Amino acid sequence: MSTVKPESRQNLSHVRNHDQCSDDKACLQIRSLFSGMPRELRERARLVVLQAWIDDSGKEGKAQSPVYVLAGFSAQKDIWEDFADEWQDELRQSPRLRYLKASDAYNLEGEFGYDKGTNTVSEWVRVHGRGNTSARDARLSRFVKIIAKHLAPDPRESYGLTWMLSHREYEDIIQRMKSVKTATVKDLQEIEQHIRNPYYLSFQRILKDELLLRAAQNMYRRTSEKTEILFDEGIDNPVNLEKAFREFVEVVRMDNPDWVDFLQNKTPEYRDDKCNPPLQAADLLAWHIRKMCLEISRGATTYDDPIWLELHENSGIKYYDYRYEAKDWDRILTRVRVNILRTLGLWIPPER
């Protein structure tokens, strides 16, 4: 994932240096997100952790990935607290890891190779030697078992969320929208402003469906369950993300105003994934989705990485996998026009 320049993260005073993270009690980081809530709401609070790979590095002709990806997990706070403590305990096992990052593990660098910060080989290399993929897979499997242990037992309470969009289809649909004969200049400007932002697209689908699940559960249980959406602070373009998140909240407010009450945060909340075990789990999921799509784009017919199979196919975790189709794009174009009329002060009935 691209590194965010320090000046773009000046408002993140709550983010700590990762060198200080491993000694903290992991679940305290989760509790702090809900510290201002009444106990009744705090006990039923839910945390959604998301990792993204949304930038230009994956476009056709470049190396990384042929898709935009947003992926992560949703679970109640108490599930994440137990998860975080067990994850942190696993990090402390020999060879000790300060954090888990999938790109380090699979490229055998950082915590699994050479530590550029200290100019020394990592503890991992001192124990297992260089290039030991068998030991790496065995260690990753232990982390996956922790994910499955805490997120698989009840699919109503915890599950995975994945969203992907092909770069090629993305560019094709942009051109198709621009060629619509009835499109106005304002339409085209809105397409550039909104549709060109993949976060806008992903939020309108994955997060709106997350709130739909909350609405259904809360109606059934007659309870109010707040949801905190948490992102990695190194997410590719925070300006795009923050704008898309605000617009997502406004779309929800216009269509289903009661749903806004299910959101604990109305602006993006960030944490350093090196300090946050749930975000590390989301990173492992997002990395494998990108890798799977890259292999398929190169002609592979299957993706049988053992960690992926254990995490996604055989873990028992329920996954909501989203992929944009033609009908989604039609709704997006409609939404663009609705937003135009709204800015002009015209009232539009909510979509049903």
Protein backbone atom coordinates (compact mmCIF):
# COMPACT_ATOMS: atom_id res chain seq x y z
CA MET A 1 0.00 0.00 0.00
CA SER A 2 1.21 3.49 -0.77
CA THR A 3 2.68 5.41 2.11
CA VAL A 4 0.80 8.54 3.13
CA LYS A 5 2.93 11.65 3.48
CA PRO A 6 3.27 12.82 7.09
CA GLU A 7 1.66 16.19 6.37
CA SER A 8 -1.55 14.48 5.24
CA ARG A 9 -1.90 12.79 8.61
CA GLN A 10 -1.26 15.75 10.88
CA ASN A 11 -4.71 15.42 12.45
CA LEU A 12 -4.03 11.90 13.67
CA SER A 13 -2.60 12.82 17.05
CA HIS A 14 -4.02 9.61 18.55
CA VAL A 15 -1.80 7.37 16.40
CA ARG A 16 1.27 6.10 18.17
CA ASN A 17 4.63 4.97 16.88
CA HIS A 18 4.49 1.25 16.18
CA ASP A 19 7.71 0.64 18.10
CA GLN A 20 5.72 1.42 21.25
CA CYS A 21 2.68 -0.68 20.34
CA SER A 22 3.63 -4.23 21.13
CA ASP A 23 3.92 -3.60 24.86
CA ASP A 24 0.41 -2.15 25.11
CA LYS A 25 -2.60 -4.27 26.04
CA ALA A 26 -4.12 -4.75 22.59
CA CYS A 27 -7.77 -4.70 23.62
CA LEU A 28 -7.35 -1.26 25.23
CA GLN A 29 -6.94 0.19 21.74
CA ILE A 30 -10.36 -1.19 20.87
CA ARG A 31 -12.01 -0.05 24.09
CA SER A 32 -10.74 3.49 23.50
CA LEU A 33 -12.84 3.73 20.35
CA PHE A 34 -16.02 3.38 22.40
CA SER A 35 -14.96 5.07 25.62
CA GLY A 36 -17.47 7.90 25.32
CA MET A 37 -20.53 5.70 24.90
CA PRO A 38 -23.02 4.74 27.63
CA ARG A 39 -22.41 1.24 29.00
CA GLU A 40 -25.53 -0.23 27.39
CA LEU A 41 -24.43 0.90 23.93
CA ARG A 42 -20.77 0.17 24.61
CA GLU A 43 -21.50 -3.46 25.42
CA ARG A 44 -23.36 -3.90 22.12
CA ALA A 45 -20.94 -1.84 20.03
CA ARG A 46 -19.57 -3.24 16.78
CA LEU A 47 -16.24 -2.58 15.05
CA VAL A 48 -15.70 -2.89 11.30
CA VAL A 49 -12.03 -2.90 10.28
CA LEU A 50 -11.13 -2.25 6.65
CA GLN A 51 -7.97 -2.34 4.60
CA ALA A 52 -7.84 -0.96 1.07
CA TRP A 53 -5.68 -1.10 -2.00
CA ILE A 54 -7.07 1.70 -4.08
CA ASP A 55 -4.47 3.55 -6.14
CA ASP A 56 -2.96 3.72 -9.61
CA SER A 57 -0.22 1.16 -9.01
CA GLY A 58 -2.45 -1.75 -9.96
CA LYS A 59 -3.69 -0.51 -13.31
CA GLU A 60 -3.03 -2.36 -16.56
CA GLY A 61 0.63 -2.47 -17.48
CA LYS A 62 1.77 -2.02 -13.89
CA ALA A 63 2.79 -4.61 -11.40
CA GLN A 64 0.64 -4.76 -8.35
CA SER A 65 -2.98 -5.75 -8.93
CA PRO A 66 -5.68 -5.54 -11.63
CA VAL A 67 -8.37 -4.57 -9.11
CA TYR A 68 -9.39 -2.06 -6.49
CA VAL A 69 -9.88 -3.84 -3.17
CA LEU A 70 -11.55 -2.99 0.12
CA ALA A 71 -11.67 -5.85 2.63
CA GLY A 72 -11.99 -6.53 6.31
CA PHE A 73 -14.10 -7.95 9.10
CA SER A 74 -17.10 -6.97 11.20
CA ALA A 75 -17.60 -8.17 14.78
CA GLN A 76 -18.76 -6.95 18.15
CA LYS A 77 -16.35 -5.17 20.44
CA ASP A 78 -16.03 -7.98 22.97
CA ILE A 79 -15.12 -10.44 20.19
CA TRP A 80 -12.38 -8.10 18.99
CA GLU A 81 -11.04 -7.60 22.52
CA ASP A 82 -10.53 -11.33 23.06
CA PHE A 83 -9.17 -11.66 19.54
CA ALA A 84 -6.68 -8.83 20.03
CA ASP A 85 -5.27 -10.28 23.24
CA GLU A 86 -4.75 -13.71 21.68
CA TRP A 87 -3.24 -12.17 18.53
CA GLN A 88 -0.83 -10.15 20.64
CA ASP A 89 0.16 -13.27 22.55
CA GLU A 90 0.94 -15.00 19.25
CA LEU A 91 3.08 -12.07 18.13
CA ARG A 92 5.16 -12.53 21.30
CA GLN A 93 5.91 -16.17 20.52
CA SER A 94 9.39 -16.99 19.25
CA PRO A 95 10.52 -15.70 16.87
CA ARG A 96 8.85 -12.55 18.15
CA LEU A 97 7.08 -10.27 15.67
CA ARG A 98 6.26 -6.65 16.45
CA TYR A 99 3.27 -6.87 14.10
CA LEU A 100 2.00 -8.96 11.20
CA LYS A 101 1.97 -7.47 7.71
CA ALA A 102 1.19 -9.75 4.79
CA SER A 103 3.53 -8.02 2.34
CA ASP A 104 6.44 -8.51 4.77
CA ALA A 105 5.58 -12.16 5.23
CA TYR A 106 5.27 -13.00 1.55
CA ASN A 107 8.19 -10.87 0.41
CA LEU A 108 10.29 -12.18 3.32
CA GLU A 109 11.27 -8.69 4.39
CA GLY A 110 10.69 -6.44 7.39
CA GLU A 111 9.64 -8.61 10.33
CA PHE A 112 10.31 -11.68 8.17
CA GLY A 113 13.62 -10.50 6.77
CA TYR A 114 15.85 -7.45 7.01
CA ASP A 115 14.87 -4.66 9.39
CA LYS A 116 15.70 -1.41 7.61
CA GLY A 117 15.01 0.57 10.76
CA THR A 118 17.79 -1.06 12.77
CA ASN A 119 19.95 -2.24 9.84
CA THR A 120 19.85 -5.77 11.20
CA VAL A 121 18.24 -9.04 10.27
CA SER A 122 14.98 -9.73 12.05
CA GLU A 123 14.52 -12.19 14.87
CA TRP A 124 12.63 -14.32 12.36
CA VAL A 125 15.72 -14.74 10.16
CA ARG A 126 17.94 -15.45 13.15
CA VAL A 127 15.65 -18.34 14.12
CA HIS A 128 14.52 -19.72 10.74
CA GLY A 129 17.09 -18.43 8.29
CA ARG A 130 16.41 -16.60 5.06
CA GLY A 131 13.69 -17.67 2.63
CA ASN A 132 12.04 -20.25 4.89
CA THR A 133 8.56 -20.28 3.35
CA SER A 134 7.48 -23.43 5.17
CA ALA A 135 8.08 -21.82 8.56
CA ARG A 136 6.36 -18.66 7.36
CA ASP A 137 3.25 -20.53 6.26
CA ALA A 138 3.14 -22.44 9.53
CA ARG A 139 3.27 -19.16 11.47
CA LEU A 140 0.65 -17.49 9.29
CA SER A 141 -1.58 -20.52 9.79
CA ARG A 142 -1.48 -19.90 13.53
CA PHE A 143 -2.72 -16.36 12.99
CA VAL A 144 -5.49 -17.56 10.65
CA LYS A 145 -6.63 -20.03 13.31
CA ILE A 146 -7.01 -17.10 15.73
CA ILE A 147 -9.14 -15.24 13.17
CA ALA A 148 -11.33 -18.30 12.61
CA LYS A 149 -11.62 -19.06 16.32
CA HIS A 150 -13.10 -15.66 17.11
CA LEU A 151 -14.98 -14.76 13.92
CA ALA A 152 -16.40 -18.10 12.73
CA PRO A 153 -18.62 -19.35 15.62
CA ASP A 154 -21.67 -17.16 14.93
CA PRO A 155 -22.08 -15.73 11.38
CA ARG A 156 -24.75 -13.36 12.66
CA GLU A 157 -22.25 -11.67 14.97
CA SER A 158 -19.04 -11.71 12.91
CA TYR A 159 -18.17 -12.04 9.25
CA GLY A 160 -15.81 -10.94 6.50
CA LEU A 161 -16.46 -8.16 3.98
CA THR A 162 -14.75 -7.96 0.60
CA TRP A 163 -15.28 -5.57 -2.31
CA MET A 164 -13.41 -5.52 -5.57
CA LEU A 165 -13.61 -3.66 -8.86
CA SER A 166 -11.59 -4.43 -11.98
CA HIS A 167 -9.48 -1.50 -13.23
CA ARG A 168 -10.36 -2.42 -16.82
CA GLU A 169 -14.11 -2.57 -16.16
CA TYR A 170 -13.82 0.64 -14.18
CA GLU A 171 -12.29 2.53 -17.10
CA ASP A 172 -14.77 0.99 -19.57
CA ILE A 173 -17.76 2.05 -17.51
CA ILE A 174 -16.39 5.58 -17.06
CA GLN A 175 -16.21 5.90 -20.83
CA ARG A 176 -19.70 4.43 -21.22
CA MET A 177 -21.11 6.92 -18.75
CA LYS A 178 -19.43 9.80 -20.52
CA SER A 179 -20.96 8.70 -23.82
CA VAL A 180 -24.57 8.69 -22.53
CA LYS A 181 -26.42 11.07 -24.87
CA THR A 182 -28.56 12.49 -22.09
CA ALA A 183 -25.58 13.24 -19.87
CA THR A 184 -25.19 16.92 -19.11
CA VAL A 185 -21.98 18.78 -18.49
CA LYS A 186 -22.84 18.68 -14.81
CA ASP A 187 -23.28 14.89 -15.06
CA LEU A 188 -19.80 14.56 -16.47
CA GLN A 189 -18.36 16.80 -13.80
CA GLU A 190 -20.05 14.69 -11.12
CA ILE A 191 -18.73 11.52 -12.72
CA GLU A 192 -15.22 12.91 -12.53
CA GLN A 193 -15.70 14.08 -8.98
CA HIS A 194 -17.51 11.06 -7.50
CA ILE A 195 -17.28 8.03 -9.75
CA ARG A 196 -13.57 8.60 -10.24
CA ASN A 197 -13.20 8.02 -6.52
CA PRO A 198 -13.28 4.23 -5.92
CA TYR A 199 -13.92 4.83 -2.23
CA TYR A 200 -17.22 6.47 -3.17
CA LEU A 201 -18.18 3.33 -5.09
CA SER A 202 -17.13 0.87 -2.41
CA PHE A 203 -18.77 2.77 0.46
CA GLN A 204 -22.09 3.01 -1.35
CA ARG A 205 -22.15 -0.79 -1.54
CA ILE A 206 -20.22 -2.41 1.28
CA LEU A 207 -20.93 0.08 4.08
CA LYS A 208 -24.55 0.67 3.12
CA ASP A 209 -25.14 -3.09 3.22
CA GLU A 210 -23.40 -3.19 6.60
CA LEU A 211 -25.89 -0.64 7.90
CA LEU A 212 -28.73 -2.63 6.36
CA LEU A 213 -27.59 -5.62 8.41
CA ARG A 214 -27.54 -3.43 11.52
CA ALA A 215 -31.05 -2.18 10.79
CA ALA A 216 -32.35 -5.73 10.40
CA GLN A 217 -30.63 -6.98 13.56
CA ASN A 218 -31.72 -4.03 15.63
CA MET A 219 -35.32 -4.38 14.47
CA TYR A 220 -35.28 -8.08 15.38
CA ARG A 221 -33.58 -7.59 18.75
CA ARG A 222 -35.18 -4.26 19.63
CA THR A 223 -31.75 -2.95 20.54
CA SER A 224 -29.49 -0.21 19.22
CA GLU A 225 -26.08 -1.42 18.07
CA LYS A 226 -23.58 1.28 17.14
CA THR A 227 -20.93 0.55 14.51
CA GLU A 228 -17.47 2.07 14.38
CA ILE A 229 -15.72 1.99 10.98
CA LEU A 230 -11.95 1.82 11.40
CA PHE A 231 -9.32 2.25 8.66
CA ASP A 232 -5.59 1.78 8.47
CA GLU A 233 -3.86 5.16 8.79
CA GLY A 234 -1.68 4.27 5.79
CA ILE A 235 -4.72 3.94 3.52
CA ASP A 236 -3.77 5.11 0.09
CA ASN A 237 -5.45 8.50 -0.34
CA PRO A 238 -6.97 9.94 2.85
CA VAL A 239 -8.37 12.97 1.03
CA ASN A 240 -10.46 10.76 -1.27
CA LEU A 241 -11.46 8.50 1.61
CA GLU A 242 -12.58 11.34 3.87
CA LYS A 243 -14.60 12.97 1.09
CA ALA A 244 -16.24 9.69 0.08
CA PHE A 245 -17.07 8.85 3.71
CA ARG A 246 -18.79 12.19 4.24
CA GLU A 247 -20.79 11.72 1.06
CA PHE A 248 -21.70 8.19 2.07
CA VAL A 249 -23.10 9.49 5.35
CA GLU A 250 -25.10 12.14 3.47
CA VAL A 251 -26.51 9.55 1.06
CA VAL A 252 -27.59 7.42 4.01
CA ARG A 253 -29.06 10.46 5.75
CA MET A 254 -31.12 11.29 2.67
CA ASP A 255 -32.34 7.75 1.93
CA ASN A 256 -32.66 6.21 5.40
CA PRO A 257 -32.07 8.89 8.04
CA ASP A 258 -32.59 6.48 10.93
CA TRP A 259 -29.64 4.41 9.73
CA VAL A 260 -27.22 7.23 10.46
CA ASP A 261 -27.82 6.54 14.16
CA PHE A 262 -26.18 3.12 13.70
CA LEU A 263 -22.86 4.83 12.88
CA GLN A 264 -20.65 5.68 15.83
CA ASN A 265 -18.27 7.76 13.70
CA LYS A 266 -19.48 10.19 11.04
CA THR A 267 -15.95 10.80 9.75
CA PRO A 268 -13.22 8.24 9.07
CA GLU A 269 -11.38 6.90 12.12
CA TYR A 270 -7.76 5.80 11.62
CA ARG A 271 -5.29 3.62 13.50
CA ASP A 272 -1.83 2.35 12.69
CA ASP A 273 -2.27 -1.26 11.60
CA LYS A 274 1.08 -2.08 13.20
CA CYS A 275 -0.59 -1.28 16.53
CA ASN A 276 -3.98 -2.78 15.84
CA PRO A 277 -4.48 -6.58 15.57
CA PRO A 278 -7.93 -6.40 13.87
CA LEU A 279 -6.43 -4.23 11.11
CA GLN A 280 -3.59 -6.75 10.72
CA ALA A 281 -6.17 -9.47 10.16
CA ALA A 282 -7.90 -7.29 7.56
CA ASP A 283 -4.55 -6.67 5.88
CA LEU A 284 -3.98 -10.41 5.47
CA LEU A 285 -7.39 -10.78 3.82
CA ALA A 286 -6.97 -7.78 1.49
CA TRP A 287 -3.48 -8.87 0.44
CA HIS A 288 -4.71 -12.30 -0.62
CA ILE A 289 -7.63 -10.91 -2.61
CA ARG A 290 -5.22 -8.72 -4.56
CA LYS A 291 -2.84 -11.60 -5.05
CA MET A 292 -5.62 -13.92 -6.22
CA CYS A 293 -6.82 -11.40 -8.80
CA LEU A 294 -3.27 -10.78 -9.99
CA GLU A 295 -2.66 -14.50 -10.52
CA ILE A 296 -5.94 -14.92 -12.40
CA SER A 297 -5.10 -11.93 -14.61
CA ARG A 298 -1.88 -13.72 -15.53
CA GLY A 299 -3.77 -16.79 -16.68
CA ALA A 300 -4.12 -18.91 -13.55
CA THR A 301 -7.36 -20.85 -13.25
CA THR A 302 -7.11 -21.39 -9.49
CA TYR A 303 -5.56 -19.72 -6.47
CA ASP A 304 -4.57 -22.38 -4.01
CA ASP A 305 -2.29 -20.57 -1.59
CA PRO A 306 -2.67 -22.60 1.64
CA ILE A 307 -3.17 -19.53 3.82
CA TRP A 308 -5.87 -18.17 1.54
CA LEU A 309 -7.68 -21.50 1.50
CA GLU A 310 -7.52 -21.68 5.27
CA LEU A 311 -8.63 -18.07 5.72
CA HIS A 312 -11.41 -17.74 3.15
CA GLU A 313 -12.49 -21.17 1.96
CA ASN A 314 -12.11 -23.43 4.99
CA SER A 315 -12.23 -21.16 8.03
CA GLY A 316 -15.97 -21.34 8.63
CA ILE A 317 -16.16 -17.53 8.52
CA LYS A 318 -19.11 -16.15 6.58
CA TYR A 319 -18.01 -13.74 3.87
CA TYR A 320 -20.04 -11.10 2.09
CA ASP A 321 -18.19 -10.77 -1.21
CA TYR A 322 -19.19 -7.80 -3.36
CA ARG A 323 -18.34 -7.18 -6.99
CA TYR A 324 -19.77 -4.42 -9.14
CA GLU A 325 -22.06 -5.41 -12.01
CA ALA A 326 -23.95 -3.47 -14.70
CA LYS A 327 -27.00 -2.92 -12.47
CA ASP A 328 -24.77 -1.32 -9.84
CA TRP A 329 -23.42 1.16 -12.37
CA ASP A 330 -26.95 2.12 -13.45
CA ARG A 331 -27.80 2.91 -9.83
CA ILE A 332 -24.60 4.93 -9.47
CA LEU A 333 -25.45 7.10 -12.48
CA THR A 334 -28.93 7.66 -11.03
CA ARG A 335 -27.37 8.61 -7.71
CA VAL A 336 -25.05 11.11 -9.41
CA ARG A 337 -28.04 12.86 -10.93
CA VAL A 338 -29.95 12.79 -7.65
CA ASN A 339 -27.01 14.50 -5.97
CA ILE A 340 -27.06 17.21 -8.66
CA LEU A 341 -30.74 17.95 -8.09
CA ARG A 342 -30.22 17.92 -4.34
CA THR A 343 -27.52 20.60 -4.64
CA LEU A 344 -30.07 22.70 -6.53
CA GLY A 345 -32.47 22.43 -3.60
CA LEU A 346 -34.90 20.04 -5.27
CA TRP A 347 -36.43 17.27 -3.16
CA ILE A 348 -36.07 13.73 -4.49
CA PRO A 349 -37.96 10.75 -3.02
CA PRO A 350 -35.62 8.16 -1.47
CA GLU A 351 -34.69 5.16 -3.58
CA ARG A 352 -36.48 1.93 -2.68
